[in-house]
């Protein structure tokens, strides 16, 4: 009797004073409206509408039923609003291509277990630290960069040298280079760079398809089939950083995320 659809049909008939106009309003057939009203009357044991030639009007029992139906529908609407996706706190995140694949997925899992959120994720180019209008910005930076104010230091990023063929060496083979490592690469290595990208997963896929090359990348999960060598000592020690929008940091989601990041 208290099904949401039946109550909506009842209210439409009461408001329109017509089964036909109520059917049009609800997007159903007139016989379907008549059937739902008949079922309500049978279940309540009351006549809810007076059927006349030109109009349908509420009986006294119908008027009383309308008060309760209206209250129930309002409560249903309030419940939908309170627990709908649109009501969840919105969080916008930017992250570099490397972190989008390596760090952000586990962070999102931890967030989902603490507080449901509606999250928007966008790519942040490597080397860019300004999150713009984003609530959170994740990027790689030199370890303990004294000039990087206002960021949270998370964990180190280890660099590796991957080689597909045993007889290749970093000192002679063409190089695929992850962009953040460029500044500290020796001139001899830079002179042999044939491809550079801020997306290490793209470079790894290219390494699988290109014989006779080596790759300087951050440490990533799936490097099966490759031989790993220590990277050149000149490469910088990087770490994952997060910059939190000041206004967002004062909200409940912002406080929760900061506590998770510093656990």
Protein backbone atom coordinates (compact mmCIF):
# COMPACT_ATOMS: atom_id res chain seq x y z
CA UNK A 1 0.00 0.00 0.00
CA UNK A 2 2.80 2.37 0.82
CA UNK A 3 4.81 1.81 -2.35
CA UNK A 4 6.33 5.07 -3.55
CA UNK A 5 4.91 4.73 -7.09
CA UNK A 6 1.33 4.13 -5.94
CA UNK A 7 1.44 7.12 -3.63
CA UNK A 8 2.77 9.30 -6.46
CA UNK A 9 -0.08 8.13 -8.70
CA UNK A 10 -2.60 8.87 -5.94
CA UNK A 11 -1.18 12.40 -5.48
CA UNK A 12 -1.21 13.02 -9.23
CA UNK A 13 -4.92 12.10 -9.46
CA UNK A 14 -5.71 14.23 -6.40
CA UNK A 15 -3.83 17.22 -7.83
CA UNK A 16 -5.12 16.92 -11.41
CA UNK A 17 -8.70 15.83 -10.61
CA UNK A 18 -8.50 13.45 -13.57
CA UNK A 19 -7.26 9.90 -14.18
CA UNK A 20 -6.38 10.84 -17.77
CA UNK A 21 -4.30 13.92 -16.87
CA UNK A 22 -2.61 11.99 -14.04
CA UNK A 23 -1.66 9.23 -16.50
CA UNK A 24 -0.15 11.82 -18.85
CA UNK A 25 1.76 13.43 -15.97
CA UNK A 26 3.14 10.08 -14.75
CA UNK A 27 3.96 8.79 -18.24
CA UNK A 28 1.74 5.70 -17.90
CA UNK A 29 -1.62 4.58 -19.32
CA UNK A 30 -4.98 5.60 -17.90
CA UNK A 31 -5.93 1.95 -17.15
CA UNK A 32 -2.70 1.64 -15.10
CA UNK A 33 -3.73 4.66 -13.04
CA UNK A 34 -7.21 3.24 -12.47
CA UNK A 35 -5.74 -0.13 -11.45
CA UNK A 36 -3.34 1.42 -8.90
CA UNK A 37 -6.08 3.54 -7.34
CA UNK A 38 -8.43 0.53 -7.18
CA UNK A 39 -5.72 -1.49 -5.43
CA UNK A 40 -5.17 1.30 -2.89
CA UNK A 41 -8.90 1.47 -2.17
CA UNK A 42 -9.10 -2.29 -1.79
CA UNK A 43 -6.13 -2.42 0.59
CA UNK A 44 -7.33 0.50 2.72
CA UNK A 45 -10.96 -0.63 2.66
CA UNK A 46 -11.95 2.98 1.86
CA UNK A 47 -13.25 4.82 -1.17
CA UNK A 48 -10.65 7.49 -1.84
CA UNK A 49 -12.16 9.22 -4.88
CA UNK A 50 -15.63 10.21 -6.03
CA UNK A 51 -15.84 9.49 -9.77
CA UNK A 52 -17.94 12.02 -11.66
CA UNK A 53 -18.50 12.65 -15.34
CA UNK A 54 -16.25 15.65 -15.58
CA UNK A 55 -13.89 15.29 -12.63
CA UNK A 56 -12.52 13.09 -9.88
CA UNK A 57 -12.61 14.46 -6.32
CA UNK A 58 -11.31 13.22 -2.98
CA UNK A 59 -13.69 11.71 -0.45
CA UNK A 60 -13.22 12.54 3.24
CA UNK A 61 -11.21 9.31 3.58
CA UNK A 62 -9.23 10.39 0.53
CA UNK A 63 -8.44 13.73 2.14
CA UNK A 64 -7.10 12.00 5.25
CA UNK A 65 -5.12 9.54 3.12
CA UNK A 66 -3.65 12.46 1.18
CA UNK A 67 -2.16 14.00 4.35
CA UNK A 68 -0.30 10.78 5.15
CA UNK A 69 0.73 10.13 1.52
CA UNK A 70 2.13 13.64 1.19
CA UNK A 71 4.17 13.26 4.40
CA UNK A 72 5.53 9.85 3.31
CA UNK A 73 6.58 11.14 -0.10
CA UNK A 74 8.33 14.13 1.49
CA UNK A 75 10.21 11.80 3.83
CA UNK A 76 11.21 9.59 0.90
CA UNK A 77 12.50 12.64 -0.98
CA UNK A 78 14.48 13.78 2.07
CA UNK A 79 15.95 10.28 2.43
CA UNK A 80 16.99 10.23 -1.23
CA UNK A 81 18.62 13.64 -0.86
CA UNK A 82 20.49 12.72 2.31
CA UNK A 83 21.92 9.49 0.89
CA UNK A 84 22.26 10.23 -2.81
CA UNK A 85 25.64 10.42 -4.55
CA UNK A 86 25.10 14.13 -5.15
CA UNK A 87 24.99 14.70 -1.39
CA UNK A 88 28.44 13.17 -0.81
CA UNK A 89 31.32 15.57 -0.14
CA UNK A 90 33.10 16.40 -3.39
CA UNK A 91 36.90 16.11 -3.57
CA UNK A 92 38.99 17.11 -6.60
CA UNK A 93 42.42 15.53 -7.06
CA UNK A 94 45.20 16.19 -9.54
CA UNK A 95 48.16 13.83 -9.82
CA UNK A 96 51.02 13.16 -12.21
CA UNK A 97 50.70 10.18 -14.59
CA UNK A 98 53.09 8.08 -12.49
CA UNK A 99 51.19 8.68 -9.24
CA UNK A 100 47.78 8.19 -10.85
CA UNK A 101 48.78 4.57 -11.47
CA UNK A 102 51.09 3.83 -8.54
CA UNK A 103 49.93 5.78 -5.48
CA UNK A 104 46.43 7.21 -5.96
CA UNK A 105 44.52 3.85 -6.28
CA UNK A 106 45.59 2.67 -2.81
CA UNK A 107 44.85 6.12 -1.36
CA UNK A 108 41.33 6.04 -2.82
CA UNK A 109 40.77 2.59 -1.28
CA UNK A 110 41.74 3.94 2.13
CA UNK A 111 39.50 6.97 1.73
CA UNK A 112 36.50 4.87 0.68
CA UNK A 113 36.78 2.82 3.87
CA UNK A 114 36.74 5.95 6.07
CA UNK A 115 34.32 8.40 4.42
CA UNK A 116 32.28 8.04 1.19
CA UNK A 117 33.20 10.84 -1.22
CA UNK A 118 32.47 11.95 -4.76
CA UNK A 119 35.94 12.19 -6.28
CA UNK A 120 37.15 13.85 -9.48
CA UNK A 121 40.66 12.96 -10.65
CA UNK A 122 42.63 14.84 -13.32
CA UNK A 123 46.15 14.48 -14.68
CA UNK A 124 48.79 16.95 -13.52
CA UNK A 125 51.82 17.34 -15.83
CA UNK A 126 55.15 16.34 -14.30
CA UNK A 127 57.02 19.34 -12.95
CA UNK A 128 53.85 21.26 -12.12
CA UNK A 129 53.14 21.67 -8.41
CA UNK A 130 50.37 24.28 -8.47
CA UNK A 131 47.06 22.41 -8.06
CA UNK A 132 45.02 25.33 -9.41
CA UNK A 133 41.51 24.90 -8.08
CA UNK A 134 42.05 21.25 -7.05
CA UNK A 135 41.60 20.27 -3.40
CA UNK A 136 44.62 17.95 -3.48
CA UNK A 137 47.64 17.85 -5.77
CA UNK A 138 50.06 14.89 -5.82
CA UNK A 139 53.46 15.14 -7.53
CA UNK A 140 57.11 14.07 -7.34
CA UNK A 141 59.79 16.48 -6.14
CA UNK A 142 63.43 16.33 -5.01
CA UNK A 143 63.72 14.93 -1.50
CA UNK A 144 63.35 17.65 1.16
CA UNK A 145 63.30 20.52 -1.28
CA UNK A 146 63.53 23.48 1.08
CA UNK A 147 61.73 25.75 -1.40
CA UNK A 148 58.61 23.56 -1.60
CA UNK A 149 56.55 25.20 1.12
CA UNK A 150 53.04 24.14 2.06
CA UNK A 151 53.30 20.51 0.96
CA UNK A 152 53.10 17.22 2.85
CA UNK A 153 56.01 14.81 2.36
CA UNK A 154 54.71 11.25 1.84
CA UNK A 155 57.20 8.61 0.72
CA UNK A 156 60.32 8.26 -1.47
CA UNK A 157 60.27 7.49 -5.19
CA UNK A 158 63.00 5.03 -6.11
CA UNK A 159 64.51 5.17 -9.58
CA UNK A 160 65.54 2.07 -11.51
CA UNK A 161 67.31 1.21 -14.73
CA UNK A 162 65.53 -1.50 -16.73
CA UNK A 163 67.25 -3.53 -19.41
CA UNK A 164 65.53 -6.12 -21.60
CA UNK A 165 68.65 -7.78 -23.01
CA UNK A 166 71.53 -9.05 -20.82
CA UNK A 167 74.36 -7.71 -23.00
CA UNK A 168 73.14 -4.10 -23.02
CA UNK A 169 74.60 -1.48 -20.70
CA UNK A 170 73.49 1.97 -19.62
CA UNK A 171 76.79 3.40 -20.84
CA UNK A 172 76.13 2.69 -24.52
CA UNK A 173 72.49 1.81 -25.30
CA UNK A 174 69.78 4.27 -26.41
CA UNK A 175 67.77 5.55 -23.43
CA UNK A 176 64.06 5.97 -22.67
CA UNK A 177 63.86 8.65 -19.98
CA UNK A 178 61.23 9.54 -17.40
CA UNK A 179 61.08 13.36 -17.56
CA UNK A 180 61.58 14.20 -13.84
CA UNK A 181 65.01 12.54 -13.97
CA UNK A 182 66.28 14.77 -16.79
CA UNK A 183 67.81 17.58 -14.71
CA UNK A 184 70.28 15.31 -12.93
CA UNK A 185 71.19 13.01 -15.82
CA UNK A 186 74.80 13.03 -16.98
CA UNK A 187 75.46 14.57 -20.37
CA UNK A 188 76.52 11.20 -21.76
CA UNK A 189 73.13 9.73 -20.93
CA UNK A 190 71.13 12.70 -22.20
CA UNK A 191 72.95 12.47 -25.52
CA UNK A 192 71.49 8.99 -26.03
CA UNK A 193 67.89 9.76 -25.04
CA UNK A 194 65.65 8.75 -27.95
CA UNK A 195 62.35 9.15 -26.12
CA UNK A 196 61.26 11.14 -23.09
CA UNK A 197 57.87 11.14 -21.35
CA UNK A 198 56.29 12.00 -18.01
CA UNK A 199 54.34 8.72 -18.21
CA UNK A 200 56.61 5.84 -17.10
CA UNK A 201 53.99 3.23 -18.03
CA UNK A 202 54.06 4.43 -21.62
CA UNK A 203 57.87 4.18 -21.61
CA UNK A 204 57.73 0.68 -20.13
CA UNK A 205 55.38 -0.47 -22.88
CA UNK A 206 57.70 1.07 -25.49
CA UNK A 207 60.66 -0.72 -23.89
CA UNK A 208 58.82 -4.04 -24.32
CA UNK A 209 58.47 -3.39 -28.04
CA UNK A 210 61.82 -1.75 -28.82
CA UNK A 211 64.91 -3.92 -28.89
CA UNK A 212 68.31 -2.55 -27.87
CA UNK A 213 67.09 0.18 -25.49
CA UNK A 214 67.29 0.81 -21.76
CA UNK A 215 64.89 2.82 -19.60
CA UNK A 216 65.40 5.11 -16.62
CA UNK A 217 62.12 5.06 -14.71
CA UNK A 218 60.63 5.33 -11.24
CA UNK A 219 60.04 2.03 -9.51
CA UNK A 220 56.77 0.58 -10.83
CA UNK A 221 54.99 -2.67 -9.98
CA UNK A 222 55.07 -4.79 -13.15
CA UNK A 223 58.60 -5.04 -14.52
CA UNK A 224 58.55 -8.77 -15.20
CA UNK A 225 60.79 -9.83 -18.05
CA UNK A 226 63.34 -7.06 -17.48
CA UNK A 227 66.71 -7.04 -15.79
CA UNK A 228 67.09 -4.30 -13.17
CA UNK A 229 70.31 -2.37 -12.67
CA UNK A 230 71.10 0.31 -10.08
CA UNK A 231 70.44 3.77 -11.52
CA UNK A 232 73.28 6.25 -12.04
CA UNK A 233 74.36 7.85 -8.74
CA UNK A 234 73.71 11.29 -10.22
CA UNK A 235 69.96 10.76 -10.34
CA UNK A 236 68.03 12.74 -7.70
CA UNK A 237 66.23 11.12 -4.80
CA UNK A 238 62.58 12.02 -5.35
CA UNK A 239 59.63 11.78 -3.00
CA UNK A 240 55.86 11.95 -3.31
CA UNK A 241 54.41 15.25 -2.17
CA UNK A 242 50.85 16.44 -1.63
CA UNK A 243 49.75 20.06 -1.65
CA UNK A 244 46.39 20.63 0.09
CA UNK A 245 44.15 23.58 -0.76
CA UNK A 246 43.97 25.76 2.39
CA UNK A 247 40.17 26.14 2.30
CA UNK A 248 39.66 22.40 1.70
CA UNK A 249 42.04 21.54 4.55
CA UNK A 250 39.57 23.08 7.03
CA UNK A 251 36.68 20.82 5.94
CA UNK A 252 35.85 17.37 7.38
CA UNK A 253 37.13 15.51 4.27
CA UNK A 254 40.24 17.70 4.25
CA UNK A 255 41.06 16.95 7.88
CA UNK A 256 40.45 13.23 7.31
CA UNK A 257 42.70 13.09 4.25
CA UNK A 258 45.49 14.99 5.99
CA UNK A 259 45.38 12.54 8.90
CA UNK A 260 45.49 9.57 6.48
CA UNK A 261 48.46 11.04 4.63
CA UNK A 262 50.44 11.58 7.82
CA UNK A 263 49.65 8.23 9.50
